[in-house]
Amino acid sequence: MTDHLITTPFGARTTAAEVLDGVDLTGKHALVTGAASGIGRETARVLAAAGAEVTIGVRDLAAGGRAAEEISPASGPETVHAALLDLADQSSVRAFVAAWRGPLHILVLNAGVMASPLQRTKEGWETQFATNHLGHFTLATGLHGALAAARGARVAAVSSVGHVNGGVLFDDINFERHPYDPWAAYSQSKTANVLFAVEASRRWASDLIAVNALNPGRITSTRLGRHIGDISDSPASFDPTSTDVSWKNVEQGAATSVLLAASPLTEGVTGRYFEDCDEAGPHQPGVRRGVAAHALDARHAARLWQVSCDLLATTA
């Protein structure tokens, strides 16, 4: 991050549609994960409304098909398509990658789980890390050729303010020795999203692929918080009057995603972390905003990339 933070005319209350007002994405192909509902659905809807052909990657193909039909623009041919993509299942991700054809201009890594009870994939990986990071890592690296072919592709990784609570537990990523803490696992996975953007932006710069991460804000009425029981167990207040974090509706929550995915204002921007449609400043202790230094650490980013490759090599 440079001393000069990138700002835009938009803010916490801006909607995704307002961010892309007047932007023409005709001829662009976008992929949004987890877009059967919530901010992923709104992200896909707004990208399609701007003229993009959009694929939504979903675990439930029936629900995804209904969402695709509902959010396709009313005029012209159907431009939103659903495809099966279970990020917790590496075979599903690899099948999706193998079936992809043509360049990919926009990739929004939106899907995720939060504070779930301890679960493990068939490989023995902790589910939040496996879904939020490893599944997206396999997807993005597998589609690298399609992104490079677009000559100016953008990747937006949806992280969270929750990343400030801790970094990647490199000595025990899958909680095999540490007592499992759902919030620590979530924080680790969200830090991993930012570290992915840092390292991918470095590795893929020569391919003209911009990669950034973002905090969408705390979104009301989505399924992400379905595992939260007693909110007093959360590391931060979930009181909607809190001034520490921006509470948003779905339309506002998708704004920073589409800003990084398609706005001319962020063309050429890479390796950054945004919130409320601006680049975030350094996190200050006690405040639920900003980006933590551990999430921008280039050494940690390179290490995570290698660790991810090593883990995935065992499943090839």
C-alpha atoms as a PDB file:
ATOM      1  CA  MET A   1       0.000   0.000   0.000  1.00  0.00           C
ATOM      2  CA  THR A   2       1.278   3.458  -0.849  1.00  0.00           C
ATOM      3  CA  ASP A   3       0.976   6.601   1.282  1.00  0.00           C
ATOM      4  CA  HIS A   4      -1.661   7.874  -1.128  1.00  0.00           C
ATOM      5  CA  LEU A   5      -4.956   6.055  -0.618  1.00  0.00           C
ATOM      6  CA  ILE A   6      -7.320   5.740  -3.558  1.00  0.00           C
ATOM      7  CA  THR A   7     -10.668   7.442  -3.051  1.00  0.00           C
ATOM      8  CA  THR A   8     -13.812   7.619  -5.174  1.00  0.00           C
ATOM      9  CA  PRO A   9     -16.944   9.805  -5.159  1.00  0.00           C
ATOM     10  CA  PHE A  10     -18.828   6.867  -3.649  1.00  0.00           C
ATOM     11  CA  GLY A  11     -19.242   5.823  -0.037  1.00  0.00           C
ATOM     12  CA  ALA A  12     -20.856   3.465   2.456  1.00  0.00           C
ATOM     13  CA  ARG A  13     -24.416   4.262   1.311  1.00  0.00           C
ATOM     14  CA  THR A  14     -23.739   4.018  -2.417  1.00  0.00           C
ATOM     15  CA  THR A  15     -25.483   1.144  -4.183  1.00  0.00           C
ATOM     16  CA  ALA A  16     -23.857  -1.179  -6.677  1.00  0.00           C
ATOM     17  CA  ALA A  17     -26.157   0.131  -9.416  1.00  0.00           C
ATOM     18  CA  GLU A  18     -25.000   3.684  -8.712  1.00  0.00           C
ATOM     19  CA  VAL A  19     -21.347   2.633  -8.965  1.00  0.00           C
ATOM     20  CA  LEU A  20     -21.889   1.232 -12.477  1.00  0.00           C
ATOM     21  CA  ASP A  21     -24.294   3.895 -13.703  1.00  0.00           C
ATOM     22  CA  GLY A  22     -23.305   4.627 -17.292  1.00  0.00           C
ATOM     23  CA  VAL A  23     -20.698   1.820 -17.475  1.00  0.00           C
ATOM     24  CA  ASP A  24     -21.007  -0.449 -20.529  1.00  0.00           C
ATOM     25  CA  LEU A  25     -19.782  -4.027 -20.034  1.00  0.00           C
ATOM     26  CA  THR A  26     -21.006  -5.379 -23.352  1.00  0.00           C
ATOM     27  CA  GLY A  27     -18.707  -8.137 -24.557  1.00  0.00           C
ATOM     28  CA  LYS A  28     -17.354  -8.859 -21.072  1.00  0.00           C
ATOM     29  CA  HIS A  29     -17.773 -12.203 -19.318  1.00  0.00           C
ATOM     30  CA  ALA A  30     -18.012 -12.235 -15.527  1.00  0.00           C
ATOM     31  CA  LEU A  31     -18.044 -15.022 -12.954  1.00  0.00           C
ATOM     32  CA  VAL A  32     -19.463 -14.450  -9.473  1.00  0.00           C
ATOM     33  CA  THR A  33     -19.304 -17.196  -6.844  1.00  0.00           C
ATOM     34  CA  GLY A  34     -22.036 -17.665  -4.291  1.00  0.00           C
ATOM     35  CA  ALA A  35     -24.462 -15.578  -6.297  1.00  0.00           C
ATOM     36  CA  ALA A  36     -27.739 -17.392  -5.701  1.00  0.00           C
ATOM     37  CA  SER A  37     -28.500 -14.904  -2.917  1.00  0.00           C
ATOM     38  CA  GLY A  38     -27.203 -11.941  -0.958  1.00  0.00           C
ATOM     39  CA  ILE A  39     -24.575  -9.529  -2.216  1.00  0.00           C
ATOM     40  CA  GLY A  40     -23.320 -12.084  -4.738  1.00  0.00           C
ATOM     41  CA  ARG A  41     -26.711 -12.110  -6.425  1.00  0.00           C
ATOM     42  CA  GLU A  42     -26.824  -8.305  -6.458  1.00  0.00           C
ATOM     43  CA  THR A  43     -23.279  -8.151  -7.830  1.00  0.00           C
ATOM     44  CA  ALA A  44     -24.249 -10.499 -10.657  1.00  0.00           C
ATOM     45  CA  ARG A  45     -27.470  -8.589 -11.338  1.00  0.00           C
ATOM     46  CA  VAL A  46     -25.737  -5.228 -11.643  1.00  0.00           C
ATOM     47  CA  LEU A  47     -22.935  -6.586 -13.837  1.00  0.00           C
ATOM     48  CA  ALA A  48     -25.536  -8.140 -16.146  1.00  0.00           C
ATOM     49  CA  ALA A  49     -27.569  -4.926 -16.203  1.00  0.00           C
ATOM     50  CA  ALA A  50     -24.422  -3.144 -17.412  1.00  0.00           C
ATOM     51  CA  GLY A  51     -24.200  -5.539 -20.351  1.00  0.00           C
ATOM     52  CA  ALA A  52     -21.913  -8.330 -19.126  1.00  0.00           C
ATOM     53  CA  GLU A  53     -22.579 -12.009 -19.664  1.00  0.00           C
ATOM     54  CA  VAL A  54     -22.523 -13.430 -16.156  1.00  0.00           C
ATOM     55  CA  THR A  55     -21.979 -16.940 -14.850  1.00  0.00           C
ATOM     56  CA  ILE A  56     -22.952 -17.549 -11.251  1.00  0.00           C
ATOM     57  CA  GLY A  57     -21.178 -20.412  -9.502  1.00  0.00           C
ATOM     58  CA  VAL A  58     -23.530 -22.091  -7.022  1.00  0.00           C
ATOM     59  CA  ARG A  59     -23.731 -25.178  -4.819  1.00  0.00           C
ATOM     60  CA  ASP A  60     -27.478 -25.547  -5.377  1.00  0.00           C
ATOM     61  CA  LEU A  61     -28.045 -25.595  -9.115  1.00  0.00           C
ATOM     62  CA  ALA A  62     -31.834 -25.390  -8.813  1.00  0.00           C
ATOM     63  CA  ALA A  63     -31.642 -22.270  -6.640  1.00  0.00           C
ATOM     64  CA  GLY A  64     -28.948 -20.865  -8.902  1.00  0.00           C
ATOM     65  CA  GLY A  65     -31.068 -21.436 -11.974  1.00  0.00           C
ATOM     66  CA  ARG A  66     -33.978 -19.559 -10.427  1.00  0.00           C
ATOM     67  CA  ALA A  67     -31.704 -16.694  -9.429  1.00  0.00           C
ATOM     68  CA  ALA A  68     -30.177 -16.511 -12.903  1.00  0.00           C
ATOM     69  CA  GLU A  69     -33.592 -16.316 -14.514  1.00  0.00           C
ATOM     70  CA  GLU A  70     -34.781 -13.643 -12.083  1.00  0.00           C
ATOM     71  CA  ILE A  71     -31.775 -11.337 -12.399  1.00  0.00           C
ATOM     72  CA  SER A  72     -31.241 -11.570 -16.154  1.00  0.00           C
ATOM     73  CA  PRO A  73     -32.087  -8.234 -17.818  1.00  0.00           C
ATOM     74  CA  ALA A  74     -35.674  -8.114 -19.016  1.00  0.00           C
ATOM     75  CA  SER A  75     -34.709  -7.106 -22.550  1.00  0.00           C
ATOM     76  CA  GLY A  76     -32.628  -9.217 -24.880  1.00  0.00           C
ATOM     77  CA  PRO A  77     -31.447 -12.808 -24.456  1.00  0.00           C
ATOM     78  CA  GLU A  78     -30.803 -14.356 -21.056  1.00  0.00           C
ATOM     79  CA  THR A  79     -27.355 -13.216 -19.990  1.00  0.00           C
ATOM     80  CA  VAL A  80     -27.014 -14.793 -16.538  1.00  0.00           C
ATOM     81  CA  HIS A  81     -26.244 -18.500 -16.340  1.00  0.00           C
ATOM     82  CA  ALA A  82     -25.890 -20.803 -13.334  1.00  0.00           C
ATOM     83  CA  ALA A  83     -23.195 -23.468 -13.078  1.00  0.00           C
ATOM     84  CA  LEU A  84     -22.473 -26.009 -10.368  1.00  0.00           C
ATOM     85  CA  LEU A  85     -19.568 -24.956  -8.150  1.00  0.00           C
ATOM     86  CA  ASP A  86     -19.041 -26.302  -4.637  1.00  0.00           C
ATOM     87  CA  LEU A  87     -15.977 -24.543  -3.268  1.00  0.00           C
ATOM     88  CA  ALA A  88     -15.611 -27.032  -0.414  1.00  0.00           C
ATOM     89  CA  ASP A  89     -15.241 -29.843  -2.962  1.00  0.00           C
ATOM     90  CA  GLN A  90     -12.018 -29.685  -4.944  1.00  0.00           C
ATOM     91  CA  SER A  91     -13.343 -32.087  -7.590  1.00  0.00           C
ATOM     92  CA  SER A  92     -16.280 -29.736  -8.186  1.00  0.00           C
ATOM     93  CA  VAL A  93     -13.976 -26.743  -8.555  1.00  0.00           C
ATOM     94  CA  ARG A  94     -11.686 -28.574 -10.961  1.00  0.00           C
ATOM     95  CA  ALA A  95     -14.636 -29.755 -13.047  1.00  0.00           C
ATOM     96  CA  PHE A  96     -15.875 -26.175 -13.278  1.00  0.00           C
ATOM     97  CA  VAL A  97     -12.436 -24.964 -14.368  1.00  0.00           C
ATOM     98  CA  ALA A  98     -12.106 -27.733 -16.948  1.00  0.00           C
ATOM     99  CA  ALA A  99     -15.462 -26.786 -18.481  1.00  0.00           C
ATOM    100  CA  TRP A 100     -14.676 -23.076 -18.809  1.00  0.00           C
ATOM    101  CA  ARG A 101     -14.313 -21.728 -22.348  1.00  0.00           C
ATOM    102  CA  GLY A 102     -13.118 -18.336 -23.540  1.00  0.00           C
ATOM    103  CA  PRO A 103     -11.632 -15.313 -21.794  1.00  0.00           C
ATOM    104  CA  LEU A 104     -12.795 -14.223 -18.359  1.00  0.00           C
ATOM    105  CA  HIS A 105     -12.852 -10.466 -17.792  1.00  0.00           C
ATOM    106  CA  ILE A 106     -14.265 -10.283 -14.262  1.00  0.00           C
ATOM    107  CA  LEU A 107     -13.958 -12.754 -11.395  1.00  0.00           C
ATOM    108  CA  VAL A 108     -15.681 -11.965  -8.092  1.00  0.00           C
ATOM    109  CA  LEU A 109     -14.692 -14.378  -5.317  1.00  0.00           C
ATOM    110  CA  ASN A 110     -17.784 -13.756  -3.237  1.00  0.00           C
ATOM    111  CA  ALA A 111     -18.961 -17.058  -1.739  1.00  0.00           C
ATOM    112  CA  GLY A 112     -18.152 -17.882   1.854  1.00  0.00           C
ATOM    113  CA  VAL A 113     -19.131 -19.319   5.208  1.00  0.00           C
ATOM    114  CA  MET A 114     -18.791 -17.595   8.569  1.00  0.00           C
ATOM    115  CA  ALA A 115     -18.238 -18.881  12.110  1.00  0.00           C
ATOM    116  CA  SER A 116     -19.440 -22.378  11.327  1.00  0.00           C
ATOM    117  CA  PRO A 117     -19.124 -25.267  13.779  1.00  0.00           C
ATOM    118  CA  LEU A 118     -16.048 -27.420  13.271  1.00  0.00           C
ATOM    119  CA  GLN A 119     -16.416 -29.351  10.048  1.00  0.00           C
ATOM    120  CA  ARG A 120     -13.836 -30.881   7.784  1.00  0.00           C
ATOM    121  CA  THR A 121     -13.702 -31.641   4.082  1.00  0.00           C
ATOM    122  CA  LYS A 122     -12.898 -35.123   2.871  1.00  0.00           C
ATOM    123  CA  GLU A 123      -9.231 -34.067   2.791  1.00  0.00           C
ATOM    124  CA  GLY A 124      -9.411 -33.209   6.497  1.00  0.00           C
ATOM    125  CA  TRP A 125      -9.242 -29.457   5.916  1.00  0.00           C
ATOM    126  CA  GLU A 126     -11.132 -27.077   8.199  1.00  0.00           C
ATOM    127  CA  THR A 127     -14.193 -26.018   6.226  1.00  0.00           C
ATOM    128  CA  GLN A 128     -13.979 -22.234   6.494  1.00  0.00           C
ATOM    129  CA  PHE A 129     -10.392 -22.169   5.251  1.00  0.00           C
ATOM    130  CA  ALA A 130     -11.175 -24.808   2.620  1.00  0.00           C
ATOM    131  CA  THR A 131     -14.190 -22.918   1.294  1.00  0.00           C
ATOM    132  CA  ASN A 132     -13.285 -19.271   1.701  1.00  0.00           C
ATOM    133  CA  HIS A 133      -9.665 -19.614   0.599  1.00  0.00           C
ATOM    134  CA  LEU A 134      -8.636 -22.954  -0.908  1.00  0.00           C
ATOM    135  CA  GLY A 135     -11.697 -23.356  -3.114  1.00  0.00           C
ATOM    136  CA  HIS A 136     -11.281 -19.846  -4.476  1.00  0.00           C
ATOM    137  CA  PHE A 137      -7.530 -20.356  -4.817  1.00  0.00           C
ATOM    138  CA  THR A 138      -8.065 -23.427  -7.011  1.00  0.00           C
ATOM    139  CA  LEU A 139     -10.707 -21.588  -9.009  1.00  0.00           C
ATOM    140  CA  ALA A 140      -8.677 -18.441  -9.632  1.00  0.00           C
ATOM    141  CA  THR A 141      -5.395 -20.183 -10.400  1.00  0.00           C
ATOM    142  CA  GLY A 142      -7.203 -22.704 -12.596  1.00  0.00           C
ATOM    143  CA  LEU A 143      -8.785 -19.853 -14.568  1.00  0.00           C
ATOM    144  CA  HIS A 144      -5.530 -17.897 -14.817  1.00  0.00           C
ATOM    145  CA  GLY A 145      -5.278 -18.596 -18.555  1.00  0.00           C
ATOM    146  CA  ALA A 146      -8.809 -17.312 -19.149  1.00  0.00           C
ATOM    147  CA  LEU A 147      -8.086 -14.202 -17.091  1.00  0.00           C
ATOM    148  CA  ALA A 148      -4.831 -13.565 -18.946  1.00  0.00           C
ATOM    149  CA  ALA A 149      -6.622 -13.973 -22.286  1.00  0.00           C
ATOM    150  CA  ALA A 150      -8.916 -11.079 -21.380  1.00  0.00           C
ATOM    151  CA  ARG A 151      -5.936  -8.664 -21.365  1.00  0.00           C
ATOM    152  CA  GLY A 152      -7.099  -6.484 -18.522  1.00  0.00           C
ATOM    153  CA  ALA A 153      -9.067  -8.845 -16.289  1.00  0.00           C
ATOM    154  CA  ARG A 154     -10.060  -7.964 -12.759  1.00  0.00           C
ATOM    155  CA  VAL A 155     -10.388 -10.181  -9.693  1.00  0.00           C
ATOM    156  CA  ALA A 156     -12.223  -8.972  -6.586  1.00  0.00           C
ATOM    157  CA  ALA A 157     -11.846 -11.109  -3.453  1.00  0.00           C
ATOM    158  CA  VAL A 158     -14.533 -10.492  -0.838  1.00  0.00           C
ATOM    159  CA  SER A 159     -12.837 -10.482   2.559  1.00  0.00           C
ATOM    160  CA  SER A 160     -14.186  -9.035   5.812  1.00  0.00           C
ATOM    161  CA  VAL A 161     -13.335  -6.666   8.636  1.00  0.00           C
ATOM    162  CA  GLY A 162     -13.100  -9.917  10.581  1.00  0.00           C
ATOM    163  CA  HIS A 163      -9.608 -10.379   9.163  1.00  0.00           C
ATOM    164  CA  VAL A 164      -8.283  -7.900  11.724  1.00  0.00           C
ATOM    165  CA  ASN A 165      -8.812 -10.443  14.513  1.00  0.00           C
ATOM    166  CA  GLY A 166      -5.934 -12.654  13.418  1.00  0.00           C
ATOM    167  CA  GLY A 167      -3.646 -13.901  10.697  1.00  0.00           C
ATOM    168  CA  VAL A 168      -3.093 -17.309   9.163  1.00  0.00           C
ATOM    169  CA  LEU A 169      -2.156 -20.001  11.671  1.00  0.00           C
ATOM    170  CA  PHE A 170       0.645 -21.419   9.570  1.00  0.00           C
ATOM    171  CA  ASP A 171       1.621 -23.916  12.266  1.00  0.00           C
ATOM    172  CA  ASP A 172      -1.912 -25.353  12.469  1.00  0.00           C
ATOM    173  CA  ILE A 173      -4.106 -24.102   9.630  1.00  0.00           C
ATOM    174  CA  ASN A 174      -6.632 -26.916  10.038  1.00  0.00           C
ATOM    175  CA  PHE A 175      -6.945 -26.704  13.836  1.00  0.00           C
ATOM    176  CA  GLU A 176      -5.584 -30.173  14.401  1.00  0.00           C
ATOM    177  CA  ARG A 177      -3.758 -29.150  17.597  1.00  0.00           C
ATOM    178  CA  HIS A 178      -5.300 -25.819  18.590  1.00  0.00           C
ATOM    179  CA  PRO A 179      -8.786 -25.838  20.153  1.00  0.00           C
ATOM    180  CA  TYR A 180     -11.202 -24.909  17.411  1.00  0.00           C
ATOM    181  CA  ASP A 181     -12.557 -21.367  17.555  1.00  0.00           C
ATOM    182  CA  PRO A 182     -15.068 -20.576  14.785  1.00  0.00           C
ATOM    183  CA  TRP A 183     -14.173 -16.879  14.825  1.00  0.00           C
ATOM    184  CA  ALA A 184     -10.437 -17.516  14.709  1.00  0.00           C
ATOM    185  CA  ALA A 185     -11.006 -19.848  11.765  1.00  0.00           C
ATOM    186  CA  TYR A 186     -13.133 -17.220  10.031  1.00  0.00           C
ATOM    187  CA  SER A 187     -10.530 -14.508  10.635  1.00  0.00           C
ATOM    188  CA  GLN A 188      -7.820 -16.761   9.240  1.00  0.00           C
ATOM    189  CA  SER A 189      -9.800 -17.422   6.072  1.00  0.00           C
ATOM    190  CA  LYS A 190     -10.577 -13.732   5.552  1.00  0.00           C
ATOM    191  CA  THR A 191      -6.933 -12.762   6.069  1.00  0.00           C
ATOM    192  CA  ALA A 192      -6.110 -15.420   3.478  1.00  0.00           C
ATOM    193  CA  ASN A 193      -8.407 -13.649   0.997  1.00  0.00           C
ATOM    194  CA  VAL A 194      -6.372 -10.457   1.342  1.00  0.00           C
ATOM    195  CA  LEU A 195      -3.026 -12.260   1.210  1.00  0.00           C
ATOM    196  CA  PHE A 196      -4.178 -13.990  -1.973  1.00  0.00           C
ATOM    197  CA  ALA A 197      -4.819 -10.596  -3.576  1.00  0.00           C
ATOM    198  CA  VAL A 198      -1.387  -9.342  -2.501  1.00  0.00           C
ATOM    199  CA  GLU A 199       0.499 -12.291  -3.988  1.00  0.00           C
ATOM    200  CA  ALA A 200      -1.685 -12.760  -7.078  1.00  0.00           C
ATOM    201  CA  SER A 201      -1.316  -9.081  -7.949  1.00  0.00           C
ATOM    202  CA  ARG A 202       2.459  -9.541  -7.897  1.00  0.00           C
ATOM    203  CA  ARG A 203       2.512 -12.797  -9.845  1.00  0.00           C
ATOM    204  CA  TRP A 204      -0.055 -11.772 -12.455  1.00  0.00           C
ATOM    205  CA  ALA A 205       0.899  -8.161 -13.120  1.00  0.00           C
ATOM    206  CA  SER A 206       2.581  -9.022 -16.416  1.00  0.00           C
ATOM    207  CA  ASP A 207      -0.676 -10.692 -17.526  1.00  0.00           C
ATOM    208  CA  LEU A 208      -2.543  -7.416 -16.900  1.00  0.00           C
ATOM    209  CA  ILE A 209      -4.683  -9.080 -14.229  1.00  0.00           C
ATOM    210  CA  ALA A 210      -5.649  -6.730 -11.388  1.00  0.00           C
ATOM    211  CA  VAL A 211      -6.424  -8.435  -8.068  1.00  0.00           C
ATOM    212  CA  ASN A 212      -7.868  -6.626  -5.070  1.00  0.00           C
ATOM    213  CA  ALA A 213      -9.637  -7.522  -1.823  1.00  0.00           C
ATOM    214  CA  LEU A 214     -12.496  -5.796  -0.060  1.00  0.00           C
ATOM    215  CA  ASN A 215     -14.656  -5.559   3.002  1.00  0.00           C
ATOM    216  CA  PRO A 216     -18.289  -5.294   1.872  1.00  0.00           C
ATOM    217  CA  GLY A 217     -19.508  -4.066   5.271  1.00  0.00           C
ATOM    218  CA  ARG A 218     -21.891  -5.852   7.583  1.00  0.00           C
ATOM    219  CA  ILE A 219     -24.865  -6.825   5.495  1.00  0.00           C
ATOM    220  CA  THR A 220     -28.365  -7.222   6.867  1.00  0.00           C
ATOM    221  CA  SER A 221     -30.601 -10.110   5.820  1.00  0.00           C
ATOM    222  CA  THR A 222     -28.158 -12.541   4.206  1.00  0.00           C
ATOM    223  CA  ARG A 223     -27.451 -16.222   4.845  1.00  0.00           C
ATOM    224  CA  LEU A 224     -23.795 -15.615   5.761  1.00  0.00           C
ATOM    225  CA  GLY A 225     -24.633 -15.263   9.437  1.00  0.00           C
ATOM    226  CA  ARG A 226     -26.758 -18.398   9.642  1.00  0.00           C
ATOM    227  CA  HIS A 227     -24.311 -20.126  12.005  1.00  0.00           C
ATOM    228  CA  ILE A 228     -24.312 -17.292  14.535  1.00  0.00           C
ATOM    229  CA  GLY A 229     -26.279 -18.231  17.623  1.00  0.00           C
ATOM    230  CA  ASP A 230     -25.505 -16.062  20.610  1.00  0.00           C
ATOM    231  CA  ILE A 231     -24.073 -12.912  19.042  1.00  0.00           C
ATOM    232  CA  SER A 232     -22.373 -12.065  22.329  1.00  0.00           C
ATOM    233  CA  ASP A 233     -19.863 -14.731  21.357  1.00  0.00           C
ATOM    234  CA  SER A 234     -18.810 -12.616  18.367  1.00  0.00           C
ATOM    235  CA  PRO A 235     -15.521 -10.705  18.606  1.00  0.00           C
ATOM    236  CA  ALA A 236     -17.398  -7.486  17.773  1.00  0.00           C
ATOM    237  CA  SER A 237     -20.794  -6.074  18.566  1.00  0.00           C
ATOM    238  CA  PHE A 238     -23.530  -6.940  16.086  1.00  0.00           C
ATOM    239  CA  ASP A 239     -25.561  -3.945  17.227  1.00  0.00           C
ATOM    240  CA  PRO A 240     -26.636  -2.100  14.055  1.00  0.00           C
ATOM    241  CA  THR A 241     -26.076   1.234  15.814  1.00  0.00           C
ATOM    242  CA  SER A 242     -22.347   0.535  16.091  1.00  0.00           C
ATOM    243  CA  THR A 243     -20.177   3.186  14.453  1.00  0.00           C
ATOM    244  CA  ASP A 244     -17.218   0.831  14.134  1.00  0.00           C
ATOM    245  CA  VAL A 245     -18.403  -0.845  10.953  1.00  0.00           C
ATOM    246  CA  SER A 246     -20.731   0.130   8.111  1.00  0.00           C
ATOM    247  CA  TRP A 247     -24.076  -1.646   8.233  1.00  0.00           C
ATOM    248  CA  LYS A 248     -25.573  -1.950   4.767  1.00  0.00           C
ATOM    249  CA  ASN A 249     -28.412  -3.433   2.819  1.00  0.00           C
ATOM    250  CA  VAL A 250     -27.665  -5.853  -0.013  1.00  0.00           C
ATOM    251  CA  GLU A 251     -27.652  -3.157  -2.704  1.00  0.00           C
ATOM    252  CA  GLN A 252     -25.071  -1.145  -0.755  1.00  0.00           C
ATOM    253  CA  GLY A 253     -23.115  -4.237   0.250  1.00  0.00           C
ATOM    254  CA  ALA A 254     -22.370  -5.140  -3.369  1.00  0.00           C
ATOM    255  CA  ALA A 255     -21.065  -1.666  -4.232  1.00  0.00           C
ATOM    256  CA  THR A 256     -17.388  -2.157  -3.380  1.00  0.00           C
ATOM    257  CA  SER A 257     -17.339  -5.493  -5.206  1.00  0.00           C
ATOM    258  CA  VAL A 258     -18.573  -3.971  -8.461  1.00  0.00           C
ATOM    259  CA  LEU A 259     -16.323  -0.941  -7.996  1.00  0.00           C
ATOM    260  CA  LEU A 260     -13.271  -3.212  -8.084  1.00  0.00           C
ATOM    261  CA  ALA A 261     -14.760  -5.540 -10.682  1.00  0.00           C
ATOM    262  CA  ALA A 262     -15.785  -3.046 -13.325  1.00  0.00           C
ATOM    263  CA  SER A 263     -15.592   0.665 -12.515  1.00  0.00           C
ATOM    264  CA  PRO A 264     -13.273   2.814 -14.663  1.00  0.00           C
ATOM    265  CA  LEU A 265     -12.243   4.516 -11.408  1.00  0.00           C
ATOM    266  CA  THR A 266     -10.241   1.450 -10.340  1.00  0.00           C
ATOM    267  CA  GLU A 267      -8.787   0.459 -13.693  1.00  0.00           C
ATOM    268  CA  GLY A 268      -5.168  -0.572 -13.231  1.00  0.00           C
ATOM    269  CA  VAL A 269      -5.477  -0.675  -9.426  1.00  0.00           C
ATOM    270  CA  THR A 270      -4.110  -3.911  -7.957  1.00  0.00           C
ATOM    271  CA  GLY A 271      -2.949  -5.434  -4.700  1.00  0.00           C
ATOM    272  CA  ARG A 272      -5.144  -3.160  -2.547  1.00  0.00           C
ATOM    273  CA  TYR A 273      -7.872  -3.556   0.085  1.00  0.00           C
ATOM    274  CA  PHE A 274     -11.029  -1.453  -0.126  1.00  0.00           C
ATOM    275  CA  GLU A 275     -14.012  -0.718   2.092  1.00  0.00           C
ATOM    276  CA  ASP A 276     -16.947   1.654   1.572  1.00  0.00           C
ATOM    277  CA  CYS A 277     -15.782   2.218  -2.030  1.00  0.00           C
ATOM    278  CA  ASP A 278     -12.400   3.663  -0.978  1.00  0.00           C
ATOM    279  CA  GLU A 279      -9.036   2.119  -0.308  1.00  0.00           C
ATOM    280  CA  ALA A 280      -8.823   1.358   3.402  1.00  0.00           C
ATOM    281  CA  GLY A 281      -6.226   2.858   5.667  1.00  0.00           C
ATOM    282  CA  PRO A 282      -4.286   0.933   8.302  1.00  0.00           C
ATOM    283  CA  HIS A 283      -6.330  -0.760  10.988  1.00  0.00           C
ATOM    284  CA  GLN A 284      -6.313   0.996  14.338  1.00  0.00           C
ATOM    285  CA  PRO A 285      -6.683  -1.129  17.496  1.00  0.00           C
ATOM    286  CA  GLY A 286     -10.189  -1.024  18.910  1.00  0.00           C
ATOM    287  CA  VAL A 287     -11.813   0.144  15.678  1.00  0.00           C
ATOM    288  CA  ARG A 288     -13.592  -2.265  13.310  1.00  0.00           C
ATOM    289  CA  ARG A 289     -12.258  -0.670  10.151  1.00  0.00           C
ATOM    290  CA  GLY A 290      -9.115  -0.606   8.034  1.00  0.00           C
ATOM    291  CA  VAL A 291      -6.705  -3.277   6.914  1.00  0.00           C
ATOM    292  CA  ALA A 292      -4.410  -5.127   9.303  1.00  0.00           C
ATOM    293  CA  ALA A 293      -0.681  -5.170   8.599  1.00  0.00           C
ATOM    294  CA  HIS A 294      -0.609  -8.971   8.802  1.00  0.00           C
ATOM    295  CA  ALA A 295      -2.977  -9.154   5.814  1.00  0.00           C
ATOM    296  CA  LEU A 296      -0.686  -7.074   3.586  1.00  0.00           C
ATOM    297  CA  ASP A 297       2.568  -8.782   4.585  1.00  0.00           C
ATOM    298  CA  ALA A 298       4.286  -9.831   1.343  1.00  0.00           C
ATOM    299  CA  ARG A 299       6.207 -12.627   3.056  1.00  0.00           C
ATOM    300  CA  HIS A 300       3.047 -14.100   4.519  1.00  0.00           C
ATOM    301  CA  ALA A 301       1.346 -13.772   1.123  1.00  0.00           C
ATOM    302  CA  ALA A 302       4.109 -15.704  -0.621  1.00  0.00           C
ATOM    303  CA  ARG A 303       4.139 -18.327   2.126  1.00  0.00           C
ATOM    304  CA  LEU A 304       0.377 -18.811   1.941  1.00  0.00           C
ATOM    305  CA  TRP A 305       0.560 -19.253  -1.818  1.00  0.00           C
ATOM    306  CA  GLN A 306       3.128 -22.018  -1.426  1.00  0.00           C
ATOM    307  CA  VAL A 307       1.259 -23.677   1.441  1.00  0.00           C
ATOM    308  CA  SER A 308      -1.919 -23.622  -0.651  1.00  0.00           C
ATOM    309  CA  CYS A 309      -0.135 -25.212  -3.601  1.00  0.00           C
ATOM    310  CA  ASP A 310       1.311 -27.894  -1.316  1.00  0.00           C
ATOM    311  CA  LEU A 311      -2.083 -28.723   0.188  1.00  0.00           C
ATOM    312  CA  LEU A 312      -3.751 -28.898  -3.198  1.00  0.00           C
ATOM    313  CA  ALA A 313      -0.972 -31.054  -4.639  1.00  0.00           C
ATOM    314  CA  THR A 314      -2.048 -33.834  -2.278  1.00  0.00           C
ATOM    315  CA  THR A 315      -5.469 -33.962  -3.969  1.00  0.00           C
ATOM    316  CA  ALA A 316      -4.376 -33.841  -7.612  1.00  0.00           C
END
